[in-house]
Amino acid sequence: MFASRLMRQSLLALLLSVFAAGAIGQAQPAQKPFEPSVGQEGKDVVWVPTPQALVDKMLDIAKVTASDYVIDLGSGDGRTVITAAKRGARTLGIEYNPDMVELSKRNAEKAGVGAKANFMKADLFESDFSQATVITMFLLPDINLKLRPKILDLKPGTRIVSNTFTMGEWTDDETATVDDKDGCTYYCTAHLWIVPAKVEGAWQLSRGELSLKQNFQMVTGTLKTGGNATPIANGRLRGDQISFTAGGAQYAGRVNGNTIEGTLKGGSSGNWSATRSGKQAAAPAKY
């Protein structure tokens, strides 16, 4: 009798504990999806979203098309990547916060570009973005400067677009702003840089020598022909395209590694070419 009563008490206690556990489980609310907050801390910067109007402007001045590969450094909630994907571009967002990465993926699915908008959890300084044709960013000036050497080693013509913050003494190639009527009230300036070819050094022409000094996309130097040295003026690079004037003639050409080929206007118009002198081959630009 005592054993039977003890078994009934044990069974009742077990049932009560199971019921209590179930009740507690039912009482707990479902975990809410991650929602970012403006100003939340990240690895290198706090998160502040780029206004959509400026996202559009950044992609506009970079002339993003379906043939581009756009990589966003510090992609946050994914809006820049998603917008570029809607334009048909291949895309990748690099973001250190795994919650933001998952949020970006959900946002891309909602926008209907889940298959085109790619995101990865990674450190900017350890990531390879050498295949990008366009890089977008909204980072602080000191982060931009740390990334600048790596950016300047990208393929000439790669387009770099930053929200608000600059690249130190590397002057931008273009600036665009969005105002209140277009839906932007803060951080409303886009800066565009085009990675310049490296042309510093001596170049041999058929009838002389071209000596170039380079400061990012700005070029100075002299053209020596027939024993005369003529300073070049208005020297500039836009990606792999170089232009300058010398002795009243306008030179334009395309840089391809250690060769330049182009056209000449004024004086003796026609074509011109130059080869980097052997001792200067592959000389890095001095920034």
C-alpha atoms as a PDB file:
ATOM      1  CA  MET A   1       0.000   0.000   0.000  1.00  0.00           C
ATOM      2  CA  PHE A   2       2.785   2.399   0.973  1.00  0.00           C
ATOM      3  CA  ALA A   3       4.770   1.586  -2.190  1.00  0.00           C
ATOM      4  CA  SER A   4       1.696   2.116  -4.366  1.00  0.00           C
ATOM      5  CA  ARG A   5       1.023   5.466  -2.719  1.00  0.00           C
ATOM      6  CA  LEU A   6       4.688   6.478  -3.217  1.00  0.00           C
ATOM      7  CA  MET A   7       4.535   5.572  -6.928  1.00  0.00           C
ATOM      8  CA  ARG A   8       1.362   7.625  -7.373  1.00  0.00           C
ATOM      9  CA  GLN A   9       3.008  10.616  -5.668  1.00  0.00           C
ATOM     10  CA  SER A  10       6.115  10.295  -7.847  1.00  0.00           C
ATOM     11  CA  LEU A  11       4.031  10.074 -11.015  1.00  0.00           C
ATOM     12  CA  LEU A  12       2.012  13.117  -9.951  1.00  0.00           C
ATOM     13  CA  ALA A  13       5.197  15.094  -9.247  1.00  0.00           C
ATOM     14  CA  LEU A  14       6.567  14.142 -12.666  1.00  0.00           C
ATOM     15  CA  LEU A  15       3.393  15.227 -14.423  1.00  0.00           C
ATOM     16  CA  LEU A  16       3.376  18.518 -12.548  1.00  0.00           C
ATOM     17  CA  SER A  17       6.993  19.219 -13.465  1.00  0.00           C
ATOM     18  CA  VAL A  18       6.339  18.469 -17.149  1.00  0.00           C
ATOM     19  CA  PHE A  19       3.278  20.728 -17.104  1.00  0.00           C
ATOM     20  CA  ALA A  20       5.221  23.511 -15.378  1.00  0.00           C
ATOM     21  CA  ALA A  21       8.057  23.286 -17.889  1.00  0.00           C
ATOM     22  CA  GLY A  22       5.610  23.455 -20.769  1.00  0.00           C
ATOM     23  CA  ALA A  23       3.844  26.424 -19.247  1.00  0.00           C
ATOM     24  CA  ILE A  24       7.132  28.256 -18.790  1.00  0.00           C
ATOM     25  CA  GLY A  25       8.118  27.466 -22.372  1.00  0.00           C
ATOM     26  CA  GLN A  26       4.812  28.778 -23.665  1.00  0.00           C
ATOM     27  CA  ALA A  27       5.127  31.929 -21.587  1.00  0.00           C
ATOM     28  CA  GLN A  28       8.454  32.919 -23.162  1.00  0.00           C
ATOM     29  CA  PRO A  29       7.935  35.267 -26.137  1.00  0.00           C
ATOM     30  CA  ALA A  30       9.410  34.358 -29.519  1.00  0.00           C
ATOM     31  CA  GLN A  31      12.800  35.945 -30.136  1.00  0.00           C
ATOM     32  CA  LYS A  32      12.459  39.064 -32.262  1.00  0.00           C
ATOM     33  CA  PRO A  33      14.554  39.413 -35.438  1.00  0.00           C
ATOM     34  CA  PHE A  34      17.610  41.643 -35.070  1.00  0.00           C
ATOM     35  CA  GLU A  35      16.899  45.319 -35.676  1.00  0.00           C
ATOM     36  CA  PRO A  36      19.839  47.749 -35.986  1.00  0.00           C
ATOM     37  CA  SER A  37      19.921  51.078 -34.191  1.00  0.00           C
ATOM     38  CA  VAL A  38      21.564  54.218 -35.523  1.00  0.00           C
ATOM     39  CA  GLY A  39      24.849  54.778 -33.722  1.00  0.00           C
ATOM     40  CA  GLN A  40      25.374  51.175 -32.685  1.00  0.00           C
ATOM     41  CA  GLU A  41      29.045  50.330 -32.337  1.00  0.00           C
ATOM     42  CA  GLY A  42      30.889  48.251 -34.906  1.00  0.00           C
ATOM     43  CA  LYS A  43      34.458  47.061 -35.252  1.00  0.00           C
ATOM     44  CA  ASP A  44      35.829  50.253 -36.829  1.00  0.00           C
ATOM     45  CA  VAL A  45      32.878  52.650 -37.042  1.00  0.00           C
ATOM     46  CA  VAL A  46      29.400  53.174 -35.624  1.00  0.00           C
ATOM     47  CA  TRP A  47      26.494  52.380 -37.908  1.00  0.00           C
ATOM     48  CA  VAL A  48      24.717  55.281 -39.572  1.00  0.00           C
ATOM     49  CA  PRO A  49      22.719  54.385 -42.705  1.00  0.00           C
ATOM     50  CA  THR A  50      23.361  56.226 -45.960  1.00  0.00           C
ATOM     51  CA  PRO A  51      20.152  57.994 -47.054  1.00  0.00           C
ATOM     52  CA  GLN A  52      18.628  56.175 -50.028  1.00  0.00           C
ATOM     53  CA  ALA A  53      18.738  59.335 -52.142  1.00  0.00           C
ATOM     54  CA  LEU A  54      22.508  59.463 -51.694  1.00  0.00           C
ATOM     55  CA  VAL A  55      22.872  55.745 -52.388  1.00  0.00           C
ATOM     56  CA  ASP A  56      21.252  56.413 -55.755  1.00  0.00           C
ATOM     57  CA  LYS A  57      23.502  59.420 -56.382  1.00  0.00           C
ATOM     58  CA  MET A  58      26.653  57.468 -55.473  1.00  0.00           C
ATOM     59  CA  LEU A  59      25.794  54.751 -57.970  1.00  0.00           C
ATOM     60  CA  ASP A  60      24.851  57.387 -60.549  1.00  0.00           C
ATOM     61  CA  ILE A  61      28.180  59.230 -60.467  1.00  0.00           C
ATOM     62  CA  ALA A  62      30.006  55.889 -60.585  1.00  0.00           C
ATOM     63  CA  LYS A  63      27.898  55.078 -63.670  1.00  0.00           C
ATOM     64  CA  VAL A  64      27.039  51.612 -62.353  1.00  0.00           C
ATOM     65  CA  THR A  65      25.612  49.252 -64.972  1.00  0.00           C
ATOM     66  CA  ALA A  66      24.864  45.557 -65.256  1.00  0.00           C
ATOM     67  CA  SER A  67      28.456  44.978 -66.400  1.00  0.00           C
ATOM     68  CA  ASP A  68      29.899  46.143 -63.063  1.00  0.00           C
ATOM     69  CA  TYR A  69      30.993  44.278 -59.971  1.00  0.00           C
ATOM     70  CA  VAL A  70      30.145  46.488 -56.993  1.00  0.00           C
ATOM     71  CA  ILE A  71      31.666  45.830 -53.568  1.00  0.00           C
ATOM     72  CA  ASP A  72      30.402  47.812 -50.593  1.00  0.00           C
ATOM     73  CA  LEU A  73      32.869  48.114 -47.708  1.00  0.00           C
ATOM     74  CA  GLY A  74      30.965  48.069 -44.439  1.00  0.00           C
ATOM     75  CA  SER A  75      27.644  47.178 -46.014  1.00  0.00           C
ATOM     76  CA  GLY A  76      25.445  47.670 -42.928  1.00  0.00           C
ATOM     77  CA  ASP A  77      21.814  46.808 -43.659  1.00  0.00           C
ATOM     78  CA  GLY A  78      22.648  46.090 -47.299  1.00  0.00           C
ATOM     79  CA  ARG A  79      20.870  49.009 -48.955  1.00  0.00           C
ATOM     80  CA  THR A  80      23.732  49.998 -51.286  1.00  0.00           C
ATOM     81  CA  VAL A  81      24.328  46.421 -52.394  1.00  0.00           C
ATOM     82  CA  ILE A  82      20.609  45.863 -52.908  1.00  0.00           C
ATOM     83  CA  THR A  83      20.263  49.051 -54.976  1.00  0.00           C
ATOM     84  CA  ALA A  84      23.233  48.078 -57.163  1.00  0.00           C
ATOM     85  CA  ALA A  85      21.790  44.581 -57.596  1.00  0.00           C
ATOM     86  CA  LYS A  86      18.519  46.125 -58.802  1.00  0.00           C
ATOM     87  CA  ARG A  87      20.581  47.786 -61.548  1.00  0.00           C
ATOM     88  CA  GLY A  88      21.751  44.351 -62.611  1.00  0.00           C
ATOM     89  CA  ALA A  89      25.295  44.592 -61.240  1.00  0.00           C
ATOM     90  CA  ARG A  90      27.121  41.747 -59.552  1.00  0.00           C
ATOM     91  CA  THR A  91      27.439  42.730 -55.917  1.00  0.00           C
ATOM     92  CA  LEU A  92      29.103  41.913 -52.632  1.00  0.00           C
ATOM     93  CA  GLY A  93      28.688  43.515 -49.230  1.00  0.00           C
ATOM     94  CA  ILE A  94      31.509  43.103 -46.718  1.00  0.00           C
ATOM     95  CA  GLU A  95      30.311  43.545 -43.139  1.00  0.00           C
ATOM     96  CA  TYR A  96      31.895  42.559 -39.831  1.00  0.00           C
ATOM     97  CA  ASN A  97      28.691  42.301 -37.768  1.00  0.00           C
ATOM     98  CA  PRO A  98      27.083  38.879 -38.413  1.00  0.00           C
ATOM     99  CA  ASP A  99      23.649  40.143 -37.352  1.00  0.00           C
ATOM    100  CA  MET A 100      23.847  42.880 -39.985  1.00  0.00           C
ATOM    101  CA  VAL A 101      24.872  40.312 -42.577  1.00  0.00           C
ATOM    102  CA  GLU A 102      21.798  38.202 -41.857  1.00  0.00           C
ATOM    103  CA  LEU A 103      19.602  41.313 -41.836  1.00  0.00           C
ATOM    104  CA  SER A 104      21.008  42.291 -45.243  1.00  0.00           C
ATOM    105  CA  LYS A 105      20.184  38.884 -46.655  1.00  0.00           C
ATOM    106  CA  ARG A 106      16.596  39.177 -45.414  1.00  0.00           C
ATOM    107  CA  ASN A 107      16.318  42.683 -46.857  1.00  0.00           C
ATOM    108  CA  ALA A 108      17.639  41.459 -50.212  1.00  0.00           C
ATOM    109  CA  GLU A 109      15.061  38.672 -50.290  1.00  0.00           C
ATOM    110  CA  LYS A 110      12.282  41.161 -49.536  1.00  0.00           C
ATOM    111  CA  ALA A 111      13.563  43.383 -52.357  1.00  0.00           C
ATOM    112  CA  GLY A 112      13.525  40.469 -54.802  1.00  0.00           C
ATOM    113  CA  VAL A 113      17.299  40.428 -55.397  1.00  0.00           C
ATOM    114  CA  GLY A 114      18.324  37.673 -53.017  1.00  0.00           C
ATOM    115  CA  ALA A 115      20.082  35.808 -55.826  1.00  0.00           C
ATOM    116  CA  LYS A 116      22.089  38.857 -56.954  1.00  0.00           C
ATOM    117  CA  ALA A 117      22.919  40.594 -53.671  1.00  0.00           C
ATOM    118  CA  ASN A 118      25.704  38.773 -51.857  1.00  0.00           C
ATOM    119  CA  PHE A 119      26.996  39.431 -48.343  1.00  0.00           C
ATOM    120  CA  MET A 120      29.850  38.099 -46.274  1.00  0.00           C
ATOM    121  CA  LYS A 121      31.029  38.520 -42.712  1.00  0.00           C
ATOM    122  CA  ALA A 122      34.638  39.709 -42.956  1.00  0.00           C
ATOM    123  CA  ASP A 123      37.211  42.274 -41.854  1.00  0.00           C
ATOM    124  CA  LEU A 124      37.740  45.060 -44.419  1.00  0.00           C
ATOM    125  CA  PHE A 125      41.482  45.008 -43.920  1.00  0.00           C
ATOM    126  CA  GLU A 126      41.718  41.275 -44.552  1.00  0.00           C
ATOM    127  CA  SER A 127      39.366  41.160 -47.550  1.00  0.00           C
ATOM    128  CA  ASP A 128      40.229  40.898 -51.231  1.00  0.00           C
ATOM    129  CA  PHE A 129      38.286  43.391 -53.321  1.00  0.00           C
ATOM    130  CA  SER A 130      40.707  43.470 -56.249  1.00  0.00           C
ATOM    131  CA  GLN A 131      38.085  42.217 -58.716  1.00  0.00           C
ATOM    132  CA  ALA A 132      35.675  45.095 -58.097  1.00  0.00           C
ATOM    133  CA  THR A 133      35.005  47.661 -60.816  1.00  0.00           C
ATOM    134  CA  VAL A 134      33.202  49.896 -58.308  1.00  0.00           C
ATOM    135  CA  ILE A 135      33.795  50.224 -54.567  1.00  0.00           C
ATOM    136  CA  THR A 136      31.354  52.073 -52.331  1.00  0.00           C
ATOM    137  CA  MET A 137      31.920  53.065 -48.712  1.00  0.00           C
ATOM    138  CA  PHE A 138      30.737  55.148 -45.797  1.00  0.00           C
ATOM    139  CA  LEU A 139      33.745  54.989 -43.495  1.00  0.00           C
ATOM    140  CA  LEU A 140      35.624  57.478 -41.364  1.00  0.00           C
ATOM    141  CA  PRO A 141      38.554  59.459 -42.821  1.00  0.00           C
ATOM    142  CA  ASP A 142      41.204  57.506 -40.898  1.00  0.00           C
ATOM    143  CA  ILE A 143      39.773  54.217 -42.193  1.00  0.00           C
ATOM    144  CA  ASN A 144      39.772  55.605 -45.747  1.00  0.00           C
ATOM    145  CA  LEU A 145      43.435  56.541 -45.366  1.00  0.00           C
ATOM    146  CA  LYS A 146      44.333  53.067 -44.090  1.00  0.00           C
ATOM    147  CA  LEU A 147      42.583  51.527 -47.094  1.00  0.00           C
ATOM    148  CA  ARG A 148      44.016  54.040 -49.590  1.00  0.00           C
ATOM    149  CA  PRO A 149      47.270  52.203 -50.430  1.00  0.00           C
ATOM    150  CA  LYS A 150      45.315  49.042 -51.208  1.00  0.00           C
ATOM    151  CA  ILE A 151      42.812  51.010 -53.270  1.00  0.00           C
ATOM    152  CA  LEU A 152      45.558  52.740 -55.290  1.00  0.00           C
ATOM    153  CA  ASP A 153      46.908  49.312 -56.234  1.00  0.00           C
ATOM    154  CA  LEU A 154      43.596  48.319 -57.822  1.00  0.00           C
ATOM    155  CA  LYS A 155      43.198  48.143 -61.574  1.00  0.00           C
ATOM    156  CA  PRO A 156      43.353  51.610 -63.166  1.00  0.00           C
ATOM    157  CA  GLY A 157      39.838  52.830 -63.863  1.00  0.00           C
ATOM    158  CA  THR A 158      38.299  51.257 -60.768  1.00  0.00           C
ATOM    159  CA  ARG A 159      35.715  53.712 -59.427  1.00  0.00           C
ATOM    160  CA  ILE A 160      35.643  54.533 -55.714  1.00  0.00           C
ATOM    161  CA  VAL A 161      32.644  56.321 -54.192  1.00  0.00           C
ATOM    162  CA  SER A 162      32.474  57.558 -50.614  1.00  0.00           C
ATOM    163  CA  ASN A 163      29.649  59.052 -48.625  1.00  0.00           C
ATOM    164  CA  THR A 164      30.904  62.369 -47.187  1.00  0.00           C
ATOM    165  CA  PHE A 165      34.415  61.378 -46.105  1.00  0.00           C
ATOM    166  CA  THR A 166      37.473  61.970 -48.277  1.00  0.00           C
ATOM    167  CA  MET A 167      40.865  60.371 -49.000  1.00  0.00           C
ATOM    168  CA  GLY A 168      43.150  62.994 -47.506  1.00  0.00           C
ATOM    169  CA  GLU A 169      45.287  64.776 -50.100  1.00  0.00           C
ATOM    170  CA  TRP A 170      43.993  62.528 -52.880  1.00  0.00           C
ATOM    171  CA  THR A 171      41.515  64.994 -54.385  1.00  0.00           C
ATOM    172  CA  ASP A 172      38.322  63.491 -55.734  1.00  0.00           C
ATOM    173  CA  ASP A 173      37.564  63.469 -59.456  1.00  0.00           C
ATOM    174  CA  GLU A 174      33.951  64.445 -58.930  1.00  0.00           C
ATOM    175  CA  THR A 175      31.646  65.610 -56.139  1.00  0.00           C
ATOM    176  CA  ALA A 176      27.861  65.440 -56.070  1.00  0.00           C
ATOM    177  CA  THR A 177      25.315  66.421 -53.441  1.00  0.00           C
ATOM    178  CA  VAL A 178      21.689  65.646 -52.706  1.00  0.00           C
ATOM    179  CA  ASP A 179      19.524  68.225 -50.953  1.00  0.00           C
ATOM    180  CA  ASP A 180      16.430  68.250 -48.758  1.00  0.00           C
ATOM    181  CA  LYS A 181      13.932  68.217 -51.608  1.00  0.00           C
ATOM    182  CA  ASP A 182      15.433  64.930 -52.788  1.00  0.00           C
ATOM    183  CA  GLY A 183      15.035  63.355 -49.389  1.00  0.00           C
ATOM    184  CA  CYS A 184      18.479  63.815 -47.852  1.00  0.00           C
ATOM    185  CA  THR A 185      18.982  65.793 -44.646  1.00  0.00           C
ATOM    186  CA  TYR A 186      22.331  64.473 -43.379  1.00  0.00           C
ATOM    187  CA  TYR A 187      25.479  63.008 -44.945  1.00  0.00           C
ATOM    188  CA  CYS A 188      24.433  64.136 -48.411  1.00  0.00           C
ATOM    189  CA  THR A 189      27.718  64.402 -50.345  1.00  0.00           C
ATOM    190  CA  ALA A 190      29.206  61.774 -52.649  1.00  0.00           C
ATOM    191  CA  HIS A 191      32.885  61.771 -53.640  1.00  0.00           C
ATOM    192  CA  LEU A 192      34.179  59.878 -56.679  1.00  0.00           C
ATOM    193  CA  TRP A 193      37.767  58.833 -57.342  1.00  0.00           C
ATOM    194  CA  ILE A 194      39.023  56.901 -60.342  1.00  0.00           C
ATOM    195  CA  VAL A 195      42.101  54.816 -59.616  1.00  0.00           C
ATOM    196  CA  PRO A 196      44.911  56.241 -61.786  1.00  0.00           C
ATOM    197  CA  ALA A 197      47.496  54.260 -63.716  1.00  0.00           C
ATOM    198  CA  LYS A 198      51.056  54.480 -62.425  1.00  0.00           C
ATOM    199  CA  VAL A 199      53.129  56.603 -64.814  1.00  0.00           C
ATOM    200  CA  GLU A 200      55.922  58.006 -62.668  1.00  0.00           C
ATOM    201  CA  GLY A 201      59.302  57.727 -64.392  1.00  0.00           C
ATOM    202  CA  ALA A 202      61.008  58.074 -67.765  1.00  0.00           C
ATOM    203  CA  TRP A 203      59.313  57.154 -71.050  1.00  0.00           C
ATOM    204  CA  GLN A 204      61.036  56.806 -74.391  1.00  0.00           C
ATOM    205  CA  LEU A 205      59.352  58.298 -77.463  1.00  0.00           C
ATOM    206  CA  SER A 206      60.436  57.881 -81.054  1.00  0.00           C
ATOM    207  CA  ARG A 207      61.889  61.385 -81.019  1.00  0.00           C
ATOM    208  CA  GLY A 208      62.682  62.162 -77.430  1.00  0.00           C
ATOM    209  CA  GLU A 209      61.996  61.350 -73.799  1.00  0.00           C
ATOM    210  CA  LEU A 210      59.048  62.029 -71.524  1.00  0.00           C
ATOM    211  CA  SER A 211      59.858  62.421 -67.832  1.00  0.00           C
ATOM    212  CA  LEU A 212      56.812  62.228 -65.576  1.00  0.00           C
ATOM    213  CA  LYS A 213      56.135  62.875 -61.915  1.00  0.00           C
ATOM    214  CA  GLN A 214      52.839  61.776 -60.448  1.00  0.00           C
ATOM    215  CA  ASN A 215      50.753  62.957 -57.521  1.00  0.00           C
ATOM    216  CA  PHE A 216      47.722  60.665 -57.609  1.00  0.00           C
ATOM    217  CA  GLN A 217      45.860  61.642 -60.818  1.00  0.00           C
ATOM    218  CA  MET A 218      47.879  64.826 -61.356  1.00  0.00           C
ATOM    219  CA  VAL A 219      50.941  64.644 -63.623  1.00  0.00           C
ATOM    220  CA  THR A 220      53.854  67.027 -64.182  1.00  0.00           C
ATOM    221  CA  GLY A 221      57.165  66.670 -65.995  1.00  0.00           C
ATOM    222  CA  THR A 222      59.098  67.531 -69.143  1.00  0.00           C
ATOM    223  CA  LEU A 223      59.222  66.449 -72.769  1.00  0.00           C
ATOM    224  CA  LYS A 224      62.738  66.424 -74.245  1.00  0.00           C
ATOM    225  CA  THR A 225      63.073  66.592 -78.021  1.00  0.00           C
ATOM    226  CA  GLY A 226      66.089  67.653 -80.056  1.00  0.00           C
ATOM    227  CA  GLY A 227      67.987  68.798 -76.993  1.00  0.00           C
ATOM    228  CA  ASN A 228      65.140  71.026 -75.791  1.00  0.00           C
ATOM    229  CA  ALA A 229      63.173  70.318 -72.599  1.00  0.00           C
ATOM    230  CA  THR A 230      59.608  71.563 -72.598  1.00  0.00           C
ATOM    231  CA  PRO A 231      57.511  71.507 -69.382  1.00  0.00           C
ATOM    232  CA  ILE A 232      54.216  69.705 -69.736  1.00  0.00           C
ATOM    233  CA  ALA A 233      51.017  71.391 -68.572  1.00  0.00           C
ATOM    234  CA  ASN A 234      47.523  70.243 -67.615  1.00  0.00           C
ATOM    235  CA  GLY A 235      48.795  66.725 -67.015  1.00  0.00           C
ATOM    236  CA  ARG A 236      46.077  64.451 -65.721  1.00  0.00           C
ATOM    237  CA  LEU A 237      45.097  60.815 -65.437  1.00  0.00           C
ATOM    238  CA  ARG A 238      41.584  59.444 -65.451  1.00  0.00           C
ATOM    239  CA  GLY A 239      42.050  55.752 -64.886  1.00  0.00           C
ATOM    240  CA  ASP A 240      44.319  54.545 -67.687  1.00  0.00           C
ATOM    241  CA  GLN A 241      43.699  57.655 -69.798  1.00  0.00           C
ATOM    242  CA  ILE A 242      46.454  60.296 -69.751  1.00  0.00           C
ATOM    243  CA  SER A 243      46.378  63.795 -71.198  1.00  0.00           C
ATOM    244  CA  PHE A 244      48.745  66.767 -71.170  1.00  0.00           C
ATOM    245  CA  THR A 245      50.000  69.601 -73.348  1.00  0.00           C
ATOM    246  CA  ALA A 246      53.592  70.317 -74.336  1.00  0.00           C
ATOM    247  CA  GLY A 247      54.940  72.874 -76.790  1.00  0.00           C
ATOM    248  CA  GLY A 248      51.460  73.863 -77.916  1.00  0.00           C
ATOM    249  CA  ALA A 249      50.478  70.257 -78.748  1.00  0.00           C
ATOM    250  CA  GLN A 250      47.807  68.240 -76.982  1.00  0.00           C
ATOM    251  CA  TYR A 251      48.675  64.656 -76.078  1.00  0.00           C
ATOM    252  CA  ALA A 252      46.084  62.038 -75.181  1.00  0.00           C
ATOM    253  CA  GLY A 253      46.763  58.366 -74.699  1.00  0.00           C
ATOM    254  CA  ARG A 254      45.993  55.109 -72.950  1.00  0.00           C
ATOM    255  CA  VAL A 255      48.426  53.636 -70.450  1.00  0.00           C
ATOM    256  CA  ASN A 256      48.850  49.881 -70.646  1.00  0.00           C
ATOM    257  CA  GLY A 257      51.463  48.842 -68.133  1.00  0.00           C
ATOM    258  CA  ASN A 258      54.783  50.018 -69.557  1.00  0.00           C
ATOM    259  CA  THR A 259      53.425  51.447 -72.799  1.00  0.00           C
ATOM    260  CA  ILE A 260      51.348  54.448 -73.806  1.00  0.00           C
ATOM    261  CA  GLU A 261      49.620  54.841 -77.157  1.00  0.00           C
ATOM    262  CA  GLY A 262      47.568  57.812 -78.209  1.00  0.00           C
ATOM    263  CA  THR A 263      46.887  60.748 -80.465  1.00  0.00           C
ATOM    264  CA  LEU A 264      48.510  64.141 -80.882  1.00  0.00           C
ATOM    265  CA  LYS A 265      46.748  67.372 -81.876  1.00  0.00           C
ATOM    266  CA  GLY A 266      48.439  70.620 -82.760  1.00  0.00           C
ATOM    267  CA  GLY A 267      51.826  71.012 -84.403  1.00  0.00           C
ATOM    268  CA  SER A 268      52.391  67.684 -86.123  1.00  0.00           C
ATOM    269  CA  SER A 269      49.083  65.917 -85.486  1.00  0.00           C
ATOM    270  CA  GLY A 270      48.932  62.149 -85.592  1.00  0.00           C
ATOM    271  CA  ASN A 271      49.667  59.229 -83.309  1.00  0.00           C
ATOM    272  CA  TRP A 272      52.277  58.899 -80.606  1.00  0.00           C
ATOM    273  CA  SER A 273      53.578  56.128 -78.387  1.00  0.00           C
ATOM    274  CA  ALA A 274      55.968  55.773 -75.484  1.00  0.00           C
ATOM    275  CA  THR A 275      57.676  52.927 -73.678  1.00  0.00           C
ATOM    276  CA  ARG A 276      58.765  53.126 -70.073  1.00  0.00           C
ATOM    277  CA  SER A 277      62.548  53.113 -69.861  1.00  0.00           C
ATOM    278  CA  GLY A 278      63.964  49.781 -68.720  1.00  0.00           C
ATOM    279  CA  LYS A 279      65.552  51.139 -65.575  1.00  0.00           C
ATOM    280  CA  GLN A 280      62.207  52.654 -64.575  1.00  0.00           C
ATOM    281  CA  ALA A 281      59.990  49.727 -65.564  1.00  0.00           C
ATOM    282  CA  ALA A 282      57.071  49.236 -63.191  1.00  0.00           C
ATOM    283  CA  ALA A 283      58.246  52.113 -60.997  1.00  0.00           C
ATOM    284  CA  PRO A 284      55.584  52.790 -58.344  1.00  0.00           C
ATOM    285  CA  ALA A 285      53.953  56.161 -58.103  1.00  0.00           C
ATOM    286  CA  LYS A 286      55.156  58.200 -55.130  1.00  0.00           C
ATOM    287  CA  TYR A 287      52.198  59.336 -53.030  1.00  0.00           C
END
